[in-house]
């Protein structure tokens, strides 16, 4: 059951929260796409491709963390784990 706002301020808060939710989902989606691309490159053993995607990973993770779409520690954890895997490739 969805709560229907009664007051003007509650209606505005609902509009705001829906817009924020969309933006946050888009930020998370962008991060997930880059992570998948890097993981795909890692499984293929393509270190050059993975290294090319590093700036995009950093940007997506930092932006999602800055806007609190994800926790800042999660962004750091994602970046750290992927960098560790990239460095481990020959």
PDB file of N, CA and C in Angstrom:
ATOM      1  N   UNK A   1       0.848  -1.185   0.000  1.00  0.00           N
ATOM      2  CA  UNK A   1       0.000   0.000   0.000  1.00  0.00           C
ATOM      3  C   UNK A   1       0.890   1.245   0.000  1.00  0.00           C
ATOM      4  N   UNK A   2       0.597   2.174  -0.879  1.00  0.00           N
ATOM      5  CA  UNK A   2       1.382   3.396  -0.988  1.00  0.00           C
ATOM      6  C   UNK A   2       0.662   4.505  -0.239  1.00  0.00           C
ATOM      7  N   UNK A   3       1.420   5.230   0.573  1.00  0.00           N
ATOM      8  CA  UNK A   3       0.850   6.359   1.307  1.00  0.00           C
ATOM      9  C   UNK A   3       0.648   7.521   0.340  1.00  0.00           C
ATOM     10  N   UNK A   4      -0.516   8.102   0.357  1.00  0.00           N
ATOM     11  CA  UNK A   4      -0.825   9.238  -0.511  1.00  0.00           C
ATOM     12  C   UNK A   4      -0.700  10.508   0.323  1.00  0.00           C
ATOM     13  N   UNK A   5       0.140  11.445  -0.116  1.00  0.00           N
ATOM     14  CA  UNK A   5       0.339  12.668   0.669  1.00  0.00           C
ATOM     15  C   UNK A   5      -0.909  13.550   0.658  1.00  0.00           C
ATOM     16  N   UNK A   6      -1.137  14.206   1.783  1.00  0.00           N
ATOM     17  CA  UNK A   6      -2.311  15.075   1.910  1.00  0.00           C
ATOM     18  C   UNK A   6      -1.947  16.551   1.831  1.00  0.00           C
ATOM     19  N   UNK A   7      -0.865  16.933   2.484  1.00  0.00           N
ATOM     20  CA  UNK A   7      -0.502  18.349   2.517  1.00  0.00           C
ATOM     21  C   UNK A   7       0.362  18.715   1.322  1.00  0.00           C
ATOM     22  N   UNK A   8       0.449  20.021   1.052  1.00  0.00           N
ATOM     23  CA  UNK A   8       1.273  20.497  -0.057  1.00  0.00           C
ATOM     24  C   UNK A   8       2.735  20.138   0.150  1.00  0.00           C
ATOM     25  N   UNK A   9       3.193  20.274   1.384  1.00  0.00           N
ATOM     26  CA  UNK A   9       4.607  19.989   1.656  1.00  0.00           C
ATOM     27  C   UNK A   9       4.896  18.501   1.501  1.00  0.00           C
ATOM     28  N   UNK A  10       3.935  17.657   1.872  1.00  0.00           N
ATOM     29  CA  UNK A  10       4.132  16.211   1.720  1.00  0.00           C
ATOM     30  C   UNK A  10       4.146  15.827   0.238  1.00  0.00           C
ATOM     31  N   UNK A  11       3.321  16.495  -0.563  1.00  0.00           N
ATOM     32  CA  UNK A  11       3.309  16.226  -1.999  1.00  0.00           C
ATOM     33  C   UNK A  11       4.646  16.618  -2.629  1.00  0.00           C
ATOM     34  N   UNK A  12       5.168  17.763  -2.188  1.00  0.00           N
ATOM     35  CA  UNK A  12       6.456  18.216  -2.702  1.00  0.00           C
ATOM     36  C   UNK A  12       7.567  17.249  -2.297  1.00  0.00           C
ATOM     37  N   UNK A  13       7.549  16.789  -1.054  1.00  0.00           N
ATOM     38  CA  UNK A  13       8.558  15.843  -0.577  1.00  0.00           C
ATOM     39  C   UNK A  13       8.502  14.543  -1.395  1.00  0.00           C
ATOM     40  N   UNK A  14       7.300  14.122  -1.741  1.00  0.00           N
ATOM     41  CA  UNK A  14       7.157  12.918  -2.559  1.00  0.00           C
ATOM     42  C   UNK A  14       7.779  13.124  -3.937  1.00  0.00           C
ATOM     43  N   UNK A  15       7.499  14.278  -4.548  1.00  0.00           N
ATOM     44  CA  UNK A  15       8.090  14.583  -5.853  1.00  0.00           C
ATOM     45  C   UNK A  15       9.613  14.600  -5.762  1.00  0.00           C
ATOM     46  N   UNK A  16      10.126  15.244  -4.720  1.00  0.00           N
ATOM     47  CA  UNK A  16      11.580  15.345  -4.548  1.00  0.00           C
ATOM     48  C   UNK A  16      12.207  13.972  -4.355  1.00  0.00           C
ATOM     49  N   UNK A  17      11.578  13.168  -3.514  1.00  0.00           N
ATOM     50  CA  UNK A  17      12.161  11.860  -3.215  1.00  0.00           C
ATOM     51  C   UNK A  17      12.144  10.953  -4.448  1.00  0.00           C
ATOM     52  N   UNK A  18      11.109  11.067  -5.275  1.00  0.00           N
ATOM     53  CA  UNK A  18      11.069  10.262  -6.498  1.00  0.00           C
ATOM     54  C   UNK A  18      12.162  10.683  -7.478  1.00  0.00           C
ATOM     55  N   UNK A  19      12.400  11.998  -7.588  1.00  0.00           N
ATOM     56  CA  UNK A  19      13.464  12.493  -8.463  1.00  0.00           C
ATOM     57  C   UNK A  19      14.825  12.035  -7.950  1.00  0.00           C
ATOM     58  N   UNK A  20      15.017  12.142  -6.633  1.00  0.00           N
ATOM     59  CA  UNK A  20      16.297  11.732  -6.047  1.00  0.00           C
ATOM     60  C   UNK A  20      16.518  10.242  -6.235  1.00  0.00           C
ATOM     61  N   UNK A  21      15.455   9.474  -6.081  1.00  0.00           N
ATOM     62  CA  UNK A  21      15.557   8.029  -6.239  1.00  0.00           C
ATOM     63  C   UNK A  21      16.001   7.683  -7.658  1.00  0.00           C
ATOM     64  N   UNK A  22      15.404   8.348  -8.653  1.00  0.00           N
ATOM     65  CA  UNK A  22      15.787   8.115 -10.045  1.00  0.00           C
ATOM     66  C   UNK A  22      17.257   8.444 -10.282  1.00  0.00           C
ATOM     67  N   UNK A  23      17.688   9.601  -9.741  1.00  0.00           N
ATOM     68  CA  UNK A  23      19.086  10.013  -9.918  1.00  0.00           C
ATOM     69  C   UNK A  23      20.026   9.018  -9.258  1.00  0.00           C
ATOM     70  N   UNK A  24      19.684   8.592  -8.049  1.00  0.00           N
ATOM     71  CA  UNK A  24      20.533   7.636  -7.329  1.00  0.00           C
ATOM     72  C   UNK A  24      20.601   6.303  -8.059  1.00  0.00           C
ATOM     73  N   UNK A  25      19.467   5.850  -8.584  1.00  0.00           N
ATOM     74  CA  UNK A  25      19.468   4.595  -9.331  1.00  0.00           C
ATOM     75  C   UNK A  25      20.347   4.704 -10.577  1.00  0.00           C
ATOM     76  N   UNK A  26      20.311   5.852 -11.224  1.00  0.00           N
ATOM     77  CA  UNK A  26      21.129   6.065 -12.416  1.00  0.00           C
ATOM     78  C   UNK A  26      22.616   6.044 -12.053  1.00  0.00           C
ATOM     79  N   UNK A  27      22.969   6.655 -10.937  1.00  0.00           N
ATOM     80  CA  UNK A  27      24.370   6.657 -10.494  1.00  0.00           C
ATOM     81  C   UNK A  27      24.842   5.245 -10.164  1.00  0.00           C
ATOM     82  N   UNK A  28      23.986   4.487  -9.477  1.00  0.00           N
ATOM     83  CA  UNK A  28      24.334   3.107  -9.138  1.00  0.00           C
ATOM     84  C   UNK A  28      24.461   2.261 -10.401  1.00  0.00           C
ATOM     85  N   UNK A  29      23.550   2.485 -11.345  1.00  0.00           N
ATOM     86  CA  UNK A  29      23.558   1.743 -12.599  1.00  0.00           C
ATOM     87  C   UNK A  29      24.862   2.008 -13.357  1.00  0.00           C
ATOM     88  N   UNK A  30      25.284   3.272 -13.404  1.00  0.00           N
ATOM     89  CA  UNK A  30      26.527   3.633 -14.098  1.00  0.00           C
ATOM     90  C   UNK A  30      27.718   2.929 -13.454  1.00  0.00           C
ATOM     91  N   UNK A  31      27.733   2.875 -12.124  1.00  0.00           N
ATOM     92  CA  UNK A  31      28.820   2.204 -11.419  1.00  0.00           C
ATOM     93  C   UNK A  31      28.823   0.709 -11.711  1.00  0.00           C
ATOM     94  N   UNK A  32      27.648   0.094 -11.667  1.00  0.00           N
ATOM     95  CA  UNK A  32      27.552  -1.348 -11.929  1.00  0.00           C
ATOM     96  C   UNK A  32      28.027  -1.692 -13.342  1.00  0.00           C
ATOM     97  N   UNK A  33      27.701  -0.848 -14.315  1.00  0.00           N
ATOM     98  CA  UNK A  33      28.095  -1.101 -15.701  1.00  0.00           C
ATOM     99  C   UNK A  33      29.617  -1.100 -15.828  1.00  0.00           C
ATOM    100  N   UNK A  34      30.272  -0.105 -15.211  1.00  0.00           N
ATOM    101  CA  UNK A  34      31.730  -0.023 -15.294  1.00  0.00           C
ATOM    102  C   UNK A  34      32.375  -1.207 -14.583  1.00  0.00           C
ATOM    103  N   UNK A  35      31.839  -1.583 -13.430  1.00  0.00           N
ATOM    104  CA  UNK A  35      32.382  -2.717 -12.682  1.00  0.00           C
ATOM    105  C   UNK A  35      32.272  -3.990 -13.515  1.00  0.00           C
ATOM    106  N   UNK A  36      31.135  -4.181 -14.170  1.00  0.00           N
ATOM    107  CA  UNK A  36      30.955  -5.363 -15.014  1.00  0.00           C
ATOM    108  C   UNK A  36      31.942  -5.364 -16.177  1.00  0.00           C
ATOM    109  N   UNK A  37      32.153  -4.201 -16.786  1.00  0.00           N
ATOM    110  CA  UNK A  37      33.085  -4.120 -17.907  1.00  0.00           C
ATOM    111  C   UNK A  37      34.504  -4.477 -17.459  1.00  0.00           C
ATOM    112  N   UNK A  38      34.895  -3.984 -16.289  1.00  0.00           N
ATOM    113  CA  UNK A  38      36.231  -4.290 -15.778  1.00  0.00           C
ATOM    114  C   UNK A  38      36.350  -5.771 -15.455  1.00  0.00           C
ATOM    115  N   UNK A  39      35.320  -6.332 -14.813  1.00  0.00           N
ATOM    116  CA  UNK A  39      35.366  -7.753 -14.479  1.00  0.00           C
ATOM    117  C   UNK A  39      35.439  -8.617 -15.738  1.00  0.00           C
ATOM    118  N   UNK A  40      34.717  -8.204 -16.774  1.00  0.00           N
ATOM    119  CA  UNK A  40      34.747  -8.932 -18.032  1.00  0.00           C
ATOM    120  C   UNK A  40      36.152  -8.889 -18.631  1.00  0.00           C
ATOM    121  N   UNK A  41      36.790  -7.706 -18.559  1.00  0.00           N
ATOM    122  CA  UNK A  41      38.152  -7.575 -19.075  1.00  0.00           C
ATOM    123  C   UNK A  41      39.127  -8.418 -18.252  1.00  0.00           C
ATOM    124  N   UNK A  42      38.914  -8.469 -16.957  1.00  0.00           N
ATOM    125  CA  UNK A  42      39.797  -9.253 -16.087  1.00  0.00           C
ATOM    126  C   UNK A  42      39.682 -10.751 -16.370  1.00  0.00           C
ATOM    127  N   UNK A  43      38.460 -11.226 -16.563  1.00  0.00           N
ATOM    128  CA  UNK A  43      38.299 -12.655 -16.847  1.00  0.00           C
ATOM    129  C   UNK A  43      38.881 -13.017 -18.209  1.00  0.00           C
ATOM    130  N   UNK A  44      38.871 -12.064 -19.130  1.00  0.00           N
ATOM    131  CA  UNK A  44      39.469 -12.290 -20.445  1.00  0.00           C
ATOM    132  C   UNK A  44      40.991 -12.134 -20.402  1.00  0.00           C
ATOM    133  N   UNK A  45      41.494 -11.607 -19.277  1.00  0.00           N
ATOM    134  CA  UNK A  45      42.939 -11.406 -19.134  1.00  0.00           C
ATOM    135  C   UNK A  45      43.444 -10.184 -19.872  1.00  0.00           C
ATOM    136  N   UNK A  46      42.556  -9.258 -20.182  1.00  0.00           N
ATOM    137  CA  UNK A  46      42.897  -8.052 -20.941  1.00  0.00           C
ATOM    138  C   UNK A  46      43.220  -6.910 -19.979  1.00  0.00           C
ATOM    139  N   UNK A  47      44.486  -6.837 -19.576  1.00  0.00           N
ATOM    140  CA  UNK A  47      44.899  -5.829 -18.600  1.00  0.00           C
ATOM    141  C   UNK A  47      44.788  -4.414 -19.173  1.00  0.00           C
ATOM    142  N   UNK A  48      45.125  -4.238 -20.448  1.00  0.00           N
ATOM    143  CA  UNK A  48      45.072  -2.910 -21.076  1.00  0.00           C
ATOM    144  C   UNK A  48      43.652  -2.354 -21.066  1.00  0.00           C
ATOM    145  N   UNK A  49      42.690  -3.198 -21.388  1.00  0.00           N
ATOM    146  CA  UNK A  49      41.280  -2.770 -21.392  1.00  0.00           C
ATOM    147  C   UNK A  49      40.838  -2.391 -19.977  1.00  0.00           C
ATOM    148  N   UNK A  50      41.233  -3.208 -18.997  1.00  0.00           N
ATOM    149  CA  UNK A  50      40.857  -2.932 -17.605  1.00  0.00           C
ATOM    150  C   UNK A  50      41.465  -1.612 -17.136  1.00  0.00           C
ATOM    151  N   UNK A  51      42.722  -1.368 -17.506  1.00  0.00           N
ATOM    152  CA  UNK A  51      43.376  -0.120 -17.099  1.00  0.00           C
ATOM    153  C   UNK A  51      42.742   1.094 -17.766  1.00  0.00           C
ATOM    154  N   UNK A  52      42.250   0.922 -18.985  1.00  0.00           N
ATOM    155  CA  UNK A  52      41.550   2.024 -19.666  1.00  0.00           C
ATOM    156  C   UNK A  52      40.288   2.435 -18.924  1.00  0.00           C
ATOM    157  N   UNK A  53      39.637   1.469 -18.287  1.00  0.00           N
ATOM    158  CA  UNK A  53      38.370   1.726 -17.606  1.00  0.00           C
ATOM    159  C   UNK A  53      38.542   2.274 -16.188  1.00  0.00           C
ATOM    160  N   UNK A  54      39.772   2.323 -15.685  1.00  0.00           N
ATOM    161  CA  UNK A  54      40.009   2.792 -14.317  1.00  0.00           C
ATOM    162  C   UNK A  54      39.468   4.202 -14.080  1.00  0.00           C
ATOM    163  N   UNK A  55      39.750   5.182 -14.954  1.00  0.00           N
ATOM    164  CA  UNK A  55      39.220   6.532 -14.698  1.00  0.00           C
ATOM    165  C   UNK A  55      37.685   6.567 -14.623  1.00  0.00           C
ATOM    166  N   UNK A  56      37.034   5.778 -15.484  1.00  0.00           N
ATOM    167  CA  UNK A  56      35.570   5.741 -15.444  1.00  0.00           C
ATOM    168  C   UNK A  56      35.072   5.126 -14.149  1.00  0.00           C
ATOM    169  N   UNK A  57      35.788   4.100 -13.669  1.00  0.00           N
ATOM    170  CA  UNK A  57      35.417   3.474 -12.400  1.00  0.00           C
ATOM    171  C   UNK A  57      35.550   4.472 -11.265  1.00  0.00           C
ATOM    172  N   UNK A  58      36.669   5.172 -11.219  1.00  0.00           N
ATOM    173  CA  UNK A  58      36.905   6.145 -10.145  1.00  0.00           C
ATOM    174  C   UNK A  58      35.838   7.231 -10.157  1.00  0.00           C
ATOM    175  N   UNK A  59      35.526   7.727 -11.346  1.00  0.00           N
ATOM    176  CA  UNK A  59      34.533   8.797 -11.453  1.00  0.00           C
ATOM    177  C   UNK A  59      33.157   8.316 -11.001  1.00  0.00           C
ATOM    178  N   UNK A  60      32.748   7.150 -11.479  1.00  0.00           N
ATOM    179  CA  UNK A  60      31.414   6.642 -11.145  1.00  0.00           C
ATOM    180  C   UNK A  60      31.303   6.337  -9.652  1.00  0.00           C
ATOM    181  N   UNK A  61      32.330   5.723  -9.085  1.00  0.00           N
ATOM    182  CA  UNK A  61      32.297   5.365  -7.668  1.00  0.00           C
ATOM    183  C   UNK A  61      32.312   6.612  -6.793  1.00  0.00           C
ATOM    184  N   UNK A  62      33.179   7.564  -7.134  1.00  0.00           N
ATOM    185  CA  UNK A  62      33.276   8.781  -6.321  1.00  0.00           C
ATOM    186  C   UNK A  62      32.007   9.624  -6.408  1.00  0.00           C
ATOM    187  N   UNK A  63      31.419   9.681  -7.592  1.00  0.00           N
ATOM    188  CA  UNK A  63      30.191  10.462  -7.756  1.00  0.00           C
ATOM    189  C   UNK A  63      29.035   9.841  -6.962  1.00  0.00           C
ATOM    190  N   UNK A  64      28.920   8.509  -7.032  1.00  0.00           N
ATOM    191  CA  UNK A  64      27.866   7.828  -6.283  1.00  0.00           C
ATOM    192  C   UNK A  64      28.061   8.008  -4.784  1.00  0.00           C
ATOM    193  N   UNK A  65      29.314   7.977  -4.334  1.00  0.00           N
ATOM    194  CA  UNK A  65      29.594   8.143  -2.909  1.00  0.00           C
ATOM    195  C   UNK A  65      29.366   9.579  -2.464  1.00  0.00           C
ATOM    196  N   UNK A  66      29.777  10.528  -3.298  1.00  0.00           N
ATOM    197  CA  UNK A  66      29.629  11.942  -2.945  1.00  0.00           C
ATOM    198  C   UNK A  66      28.156  12.316  -2.785  1.00  0.00           C
ATOM    199  N   UNK A  67      27.342  11.775  -3.668  1.00  0.00           N
ATOM    200  CA  UNK A  67      25.912  12.071  -3.620  1.00  0.00           C
ATOM    201  C   UNK A  67      25.148  11.119  -2.698  1.00  0.00           C
ATOM    202  N   UNK A  68      25.900  10.250  -1.993  1.00  0.00           N
ATOM    203  CA  UNK A  68      25.336   9.325  -1.005  1.00  0.00           C
ATOM    204  C   UNK A  68      24.375   8.298  -1.609  1.00  0.00           C
ATOM    205  N   UNK A  69      24.550   7.998  -2.899  1.00  0.00           N
ATOM    206  CA  UNK A  69      23.778   6.913  -3.501  1.00  0.00           C
ATOM    207  C   UNK A  69      24.280   5.589  -2.938  1.00  0.00           C
ATOM    208  N   UNK A  70      25.595   5.552  -2.657  1.00  0.00           N
ATOM    209  CA  UNK A  70      26.187   4.414  -1.954  1.00  0.00           C
ATOM    210  C   UNK A  70      27.044   4.975  -0.826  1.00  0.00           C
ATOM    211  N   UNK A  71      27.396   4.134   0.120  1.00  0.00           N
ATOM    212  CA  UNK A  71      28.235   4.571   1.237  1.00  0.00           C
ATOM    213  C   UNK A  71      29.654   4.812   0.730  1.00  0.00           C
ATOM    214  N   UNK A  72      30.316   5.849   1.222  1.00  0.00           N
ATOM    215  CA  UNK A  72      31.686   6.129   0.774  1.00  0.00           C
ATOM    216  C   UNK A  72      32.644   4.947   0.973  1.00  0.00           C
ATOM    217  N   UNK A  73      32.453   4.203   2.042  1.00  0.00           N
ATOM    218  CA  UNK A  73      33.321   3.034   2.273  1.00  0.00           C
ATOM    219  C   UNK A  73      33.087   1.959   1.224  1.00  0.00           C
ATOM    220  N   UNK A  74      31.857   1.840   0.745  1.00  0.00           N
ATOM    221  CA  UNK A  74      31.577   0.856  -0.306  1.00  0.00           C
ATOM    222  C   UNK A  74      32.293   1.246  -1.592  1.00  0.00           C
ATOM    223  N   UNK A  75      32.285   2.535  -1.900  1.00  0.00           N
ATOM    224  CA  UNK A  75      32.990   3.007  -3.095  1.00  0.00           C
ATOM    225  C   UNK A  75      34.477   2.685  -2.974  1.00  0.00           C
ATOM    226  N   UNK A  76      35.042   2.951  -1.814  1.00  0.00           N
ATOM    227  CA  UNK A  76      36.464   2.678  -1.590  1.00  0.00           C
ATOM    228  C   UNK A  76      36.745   1.183  -1.706  1.00  0.00           C
ATOM    229  N   UNK A  77      35.852   0.373  -1.178  1.00  0.00           N
ATOM    230  CA  UNK A  77      36.028  -1.079  -1.214  1.00  0.00           C
ATOM    231  C   UNK A  77      35.990  -1.600  -2.658  1.00  0.00           C
ATOM    232  N   UNK A  78      35.036  -1.111  -3.433  1.00  0.00           N
ATOM    233  CA  UNK A  78      34.919  -1.527  -4.834  1.00  0.00           C
ATOM    234  C   UNK A  78      36.192  -1.159  -5.600  1.00  0.00           C
ATOM    235  N   UNK A  79      36.634   0.094  -5.440  1.00  0.00           N
ATOM    236  CA  UNK A  79      37.824   0.557  -6.151  1.00  0.00           C
ATOM    237  C   UNK A  79      39.052  -0.259  -5.738  1.00  0.00           C
ATOM    238  N   UNK A  80      39.187  -0.481  -4.445  1.00  0.00           N
ATOM    239  CA  UNK A  80      40.345  -1.193  -3.923  1.00  0.00           C
ATOM    240  C   UNK A  80      40.402  -2.629  -4.442  1.00  0.00           C
ATOM    241  N   UNK A  81      39.291  -3.321  -4.394  1.00  0.00           N
ATOM    242  CA  UNK A  81      39.266  -4.721  -4.823  1.00  0.00           C
ATOM    243  C   UNK A  81      39.563  -4.866  -6.308  1.00  0.00           C
ATOM    244  N   UNK A  82      38.990  -3.974  -7.116  1.00  0.00           N
ATOM    245  CA  UNK A  82      39.224  -4.074  -8.551  1.00  0.00           C
ATOM    246  C   UNK A  82      40.660  -3.690  -8.910  1.00  0.00           C
ATOM    247  N   UNK A  83      41.202  -2.675  -8.244  1.00  0.00           N
ATOM    248  CA  UNK A  83      42.579  -2.278  -8.508  1.00  0.00           C
ATOM    249  C   UNK A  83      43.537  -3.407  -8.135  1.00  0.00           C
ATOM    250  N   UNK A  84      43.235  -4.081  -7.048  1.00  0.00           N
ATOM    251  CA  UNK A  84      44.063  -5.203  -6.604  1.00  0.00           C
ATOM    252  C   UNK A  84      44.062  -6.312  -7.665  1.00  0.00           C
ATOM    253  N   UNK A  85      42.879  -6.586  -8.233  1.00  0.00           N
ATOM    254  CA  UNK A  85      42.778  -7.624  -9.268  1.00  0.00           C
ATOM    255  C   UNK A  85      43.485  -7.205 -10.553  1.00  0.00           C
ATOM    256  N   UNK A  86      43.394  -5.912 -10.891  1.00  0.00           N
ATOM    257  CA  UNK A  86      44.051  -5.428 -12.102  1.00  0.00           C
ATOM    258  C   UNK A  86      45.567  -5.519 -11.951  1.00  0.00           C
ATOM    259  N   UNK A  87      46.088  -5.114 -10.791  1.00  0.00           N
ATOM    260  CA  UNK A  87      47.533  -5.168 -10.557  1.00  0.00           C
ATOM    261  C   UNK A  87      48.049  -6.608 -10.550  1.00  0.00           C
ATOM    262  N   UNK A  88      47.202  -7.565 -10.175  1.00  0.00           N
ATOM    263  CA  UNK A  88      47.621  -8.969 -10.107  1.00  0.00           C
ATOM    264  C   UNK A  88      47.790  -9.601 -11.484  1.00  0.00           C
ATOM    265  N   UNK A  89      47.191  -8.985 -12.507  1.00  0.00           N
ATOM    266  CA  UNK A  89      47.330  -9.534 -13.870  1.00  0.00           C
ATOM    267  C   UNK A  89      48.760  -9.376 -14.367  1.00  0.00           C
ATOM    268  N   UNK A  90      49.235 -10.343 -15.137  1.00  0.00           N
ATOM    269  CA  UNK A  90      50.616 -10.247 -15.675  1.00  0.00           C
ATOM    270  C   UNK A  90      50.749  -9.187 -16.750  1.00  0.00           C
TER     271      UNK A  90
END
